[in-house]
Amino acid sequence: MLIKNILIDGNNLIHRSNAVFVKNRIENDIILSSKGYPTGLIYGIFSMLSSWISEIHSPNNIIFFLDGKPVRRLSIDPTYKQKQGEKIELPGSANNQIT
């Protein structure tokens, strides 16, 4: 029997969803709940997940991971990813949706 798994990089999913469903929206096109709470990030995450699950056709497991600092890589090379510039923060409404 073939075991089908979906492994999801949570950080990447959050940033992709933020770019598509929050950051690039025009002011009048922001996705809000009935109480005015921004929900574009959450909608984007579940929209992408739904698409992947339907493509895989009933996966056995869905595994999320949210990695922090790459401690092992930084211990080997303290300059790891230093050329990428400043850390990008999510816009205020997106931060509120994931905390």
C-alpha atoms as a PDB file:
ATOM      1  CA  MET A   1       0.000   0.000   0.000  1.00  0.00           C
ATOM      2  CA  LEU A   2       1.351   3.396  -0.979  1.00  0.00           C
ATOM      3  CA  ILE A   3       1.538   5.868   1.905  1.00  0.00           C
ATOM      4  CA  LYS A   4       0.943   9.439   0.776  1.00  0.00           C
ATOM      5  CA  ASN A   5       2.286  12.215   2.979  1.00  0.00           C
ATOM      6  CA  ILE A   6       2.230  15.984   2.679  1.00  0.00           C
ATOM      7  CA  LEU A   7       5.155  17.775   4.350  1.00  0.00           C
ATOM      8  CA  ILE A   8       4.521  21.508   4.695  1.00  0.00           C
ATOM      9  CA  ASP A   9       7.032  24.241   5.474  1.00  0.00           C
ATOM     10  CA  GLY A  10       4.786  26.378   7.678  1.00  0.00           C
ATOM     11  CA  ASN A  11       6.937  29.501   7.438  1.00  0.00           C
ATOM     12  CA  ASN A  12       6.893  29.359   3.651  1.00  0.00           C
ATOM     13  CA  LEU A  13       3.139  28.772   3.600  1.00  0.00           C
ATOM     14  CA  ILE A  14       2.526  31.775   5.877  1.00  0.00           C
ATOM     15  CA  HIS A  15       4.695  34.086   3.749  1.00  0.00           C
ATOM     16  CA  ARG A  16       3.199  32.847   0.448  1.00  0.00           C
ATOM     17  CA  SER A  17      -0.308  33.305   1.781  1.00  0.00           C
ATOM     18  CA  ASN A  18       0.588  36.749   3.101  1.00  0.00           C
ATOM     19  CA  ALA A  19       1.981  37.820  -0.277  1.00  0.00           C
ATOM     20  CA  VAL A  20      -1.059  36.631  -2.219  1.00  0.00           C
ATOM     21  CA  PHE A  21      -3.973  37.263   0.129  1.00  0.00           C
ATOM     22  CA  VAL A  22      -2.816  40.204   2.306  1.00  0.00           C
ATOM     23  CA  LYS A  23       0.115  42.270   1.006  1.00  0.00           C
ATOM     24  CA  ASN A  24      -0.855  42.541  -2.658  1.00  0.00           C
ATOM     25  CA  ARG A  25      -4.520  43.364  -2.049  1.00  0.00           C
ATOM     26  CA  ILE A  26      -5.795  46.826  -2.799  1.00  0.00           C
ATOM     27  CA  GLU A  27      -7.361  48.645   0.139  1.00  0.00           C
ATOM     28  CA  ASN A  28     -10.990  47.933  -0.826  1.00  0.00           C
ATOM     29  CA  ASP A  29     -10.254  44.266  -1.584  1.00  0.00           C
ATOM     30  CA  ILE A  30      -9.012  43.144   1.852  1.00  0.00           C
ATOM     31  CA  ILE A  31     -10.642  39.931   3.100  1.00  0.00           C
ATOM     32  CA  LEU A  32     -12.439  40.633   6.405  1.00  0.00           C
ATOM     33  CA  SER A  33     -14.709  38.685   8.745  1.00  0.00           C
ATOM     34  CA  SER A  34     -18.257  39.882   9.444  1.00  0.00           C
ATOM     35  CA  LYS A  35     -16.833  41.736  12.480  1.00  0.00           C
ATOM     36  CA  GLY A  36     -14.163  43.497  10.398  1.00  0.00           C
ATOM     37  CA  TYR A  37     -11.246  41.276  11.488  1.00  0.00           C
ATOM     38  CA  PRO A  38      -8.704  40.650   8.679  1.00  0.00           C
ATOM     39  CA  THR A  39      -8.800  36.989   7.620  1.00  0.00           C
ATOM     40  CA  GLY A  40      -6.923  36.980   4.297  1.00  0.00           C
ATOM     41  CA  LEU A  41      -3.897  35.158   5.685  1.00  0.00           C
ATOM     42  CA  ILE A  42      -5.986  32.403   7.259  1.00  0.00           C
ATOM     43  CA  TYR A  43      -8.119  32.113   4.117  1.00  0.00           C
ATOM     44  CA  GLY A  44      -4.974  31.849   1.989  1.00  0.00           C
ATOM     45  CA  ILE A  45      -3.443  29.120   4.142  1.00  0.00           C
ATOM     46  CA  PHE A  46      -6.572  26.960   4.039  1.00  0.00           C
ATOM     47  CA  SER A  47      -7.101  27.635   0.340  1.00  0.00           C
ATOM     48  CA  MET A  48      -3.593  26.408  -0.510  1.00  0.00           C
ATOM     49  CA  LEU A  49      -3.927  23.403   1.834  1.00  0.00           C
ATOM     50  CA  SER A  50      -7.248  22.435   0.280  1.00  0.00           C
ATOM     51  CA  SER A  51      -5.706  22.569  -3.181  1.00  0.00           C
ATOM     52  CA  TRP A  52      -2.779  20.354  -2.180  1.00  0.00           C
ATOM     53  CA  ILE A  53      -4.997  17.827  -0.408  1.00  0.00           C
ATOM     54  CA  SER A  54      -7.257  17.486  -3.450  1.00  0.00           C
ATOM     55  CA  GLU A  55      -4.197  16.992  -5.698  1.00  0.00           C
ATOM     56  CA  ILE A  56      -2.821  14.211  -3.470  1.00  0.00           C
ATOM     57  CA  HIS A  57      -6.236  12.472  -3.117  1.00  0.00           C
ATOM     58  CA  SER A  58      -6.625  11.486   0.534  1.00  0.00           C
ATOM     59  CA  PRO A  59      -3.125  11.773   1.991  1.00  0.00           C
ATOM     60  CA  ASN A  60      -2.358   9.543   4.982  1.00  0.00           C
ATOM     61  CA  ASN A  61      -0.546  12.281   6.887  1.00  0.00           C
ATOM     62  CA  ILE A  62      -0.211  16.045   6.751  1.00  0.00           C
ATOM     63  CA  ILE A  63       2.886  17.241   8.596  1.00  0.00           C
ATOM     64  CA  PHE A  64       3.586  20.911   9.371  1.00  0.00           C
ATOM     65  CA  PHE A  65       6.838  22.331  10.608  1.00  0.00           C
ATOM     66  CA  LEU A  66       7.750  25.851  11.652  1.00  0.00           C
ATOM     67  CA  ASP A  67      11.494  26.095  11.815  1.00  0.00           C
ATOM     68  CA  GLY A  68      13.266  28.761  13.765  1.00  0.00           C
ATOM     69  CA  LYS A  69      16.854  29.841  13.442  1.00  0.00           C
ATOM     70  CA  PRO A  70      19.083  27.275  11.739  1.00  0.00           C
ATOM     71  CA  VAL A  71      21.192  26.743  14.890  1.00  0.00           C
ATOM     72  CA  ARG A  72      23.294  23.905  13.477  1.00  0.00           C
ATOM     73  CA  ARG A  73      24.109  25.788  10.264  1.00  0.00           C
ATOM     74  CA  LEU A  74      24.899  28.982  12.175  1.00  0.00           C
ATOM     75  CA  SER A  75      27.273  27.052  14.458  1.00  0.00           C
ATOM     76  CA  ILE A  76      29.127  25.834  11.359  1.00  0.00           C
ATOM     77  CA  ASP A  77      29.021  29.173   9.515  1.00  0.00           C
ATOM     78  CA  PRO A  78      28.074  32.293  11.545  1.00  0.00           C
ATOM     79  CA  THR A  79      27.605  34.257   8.297  1.00  0.00           C
ATOM     80  CA  TYR A  80      24.906  31.852   7.034  1.00  0.00           C
ATOM     81  CA  LYS A  81      22.221  33.858   5.161  1.00  0.00           C
ATOM     82  CA  GLN A  82      23.613  37.227   6.293  1.00  0.00           C
ATOM     83  CA  LYS A  83      23.602  38.526   2.729  1.00  0.00           C
ATOM     84  CA  GLN A  84      19.815  38.249   2.525  1.00  0.00           C
ATOM     85  CA  GLY A  85      19.331  41.567   4.275  1.00  0.00           C
ATOM     86  CA  GLU A  86      16.946  42.575   6.989  1.00  0.00           C
ATOM     87  CA  LYS A  87      14.319  40.180   8.264  1.00  0.00           C
ATOM     88  CA  ILE A  88      10.995  40.844   6.571  1.00  0.00           C
ATOM     89  CA  GLU A  89       8.147  41.434   8.997  1.00  0.00           C
ATOM     90  CA  LEU A  90       4.586  40.645   8.080  1.00  0.00           C
ATOM     91  CA  PRO A  91       2.218  43.615   7.909  1.00  0.00           C
ATOM     92  CA  GLY A  92       0.337  44.351  11.142  1.00  0.00           C
ATOM     93  CA  SER A  93      -2.892  42.635  10.165  1.00  0.00           C
ATOM     94  CA  ALA A  94      -1.044  39.478   9.127  1.00  0.00           C
ATOM     95  CA  ASN A  95       0.855  39.314  12.422  1.00  0.00           C
ATOM     96  CA  ASN A  96      -2.460  39.517  14.295  1.00  0.00           C
ATOM     97  CA  GLN A  97      -3.829  36.564  12.343  1.00  0.00           C
ATOM     98  CA  ILE A  98      -1.069  34.120  13.304  1.00  0.00           C
ATOM     99  CA  THR A  99      -0.509  34.996  16.962  1.00  0.00           C
END
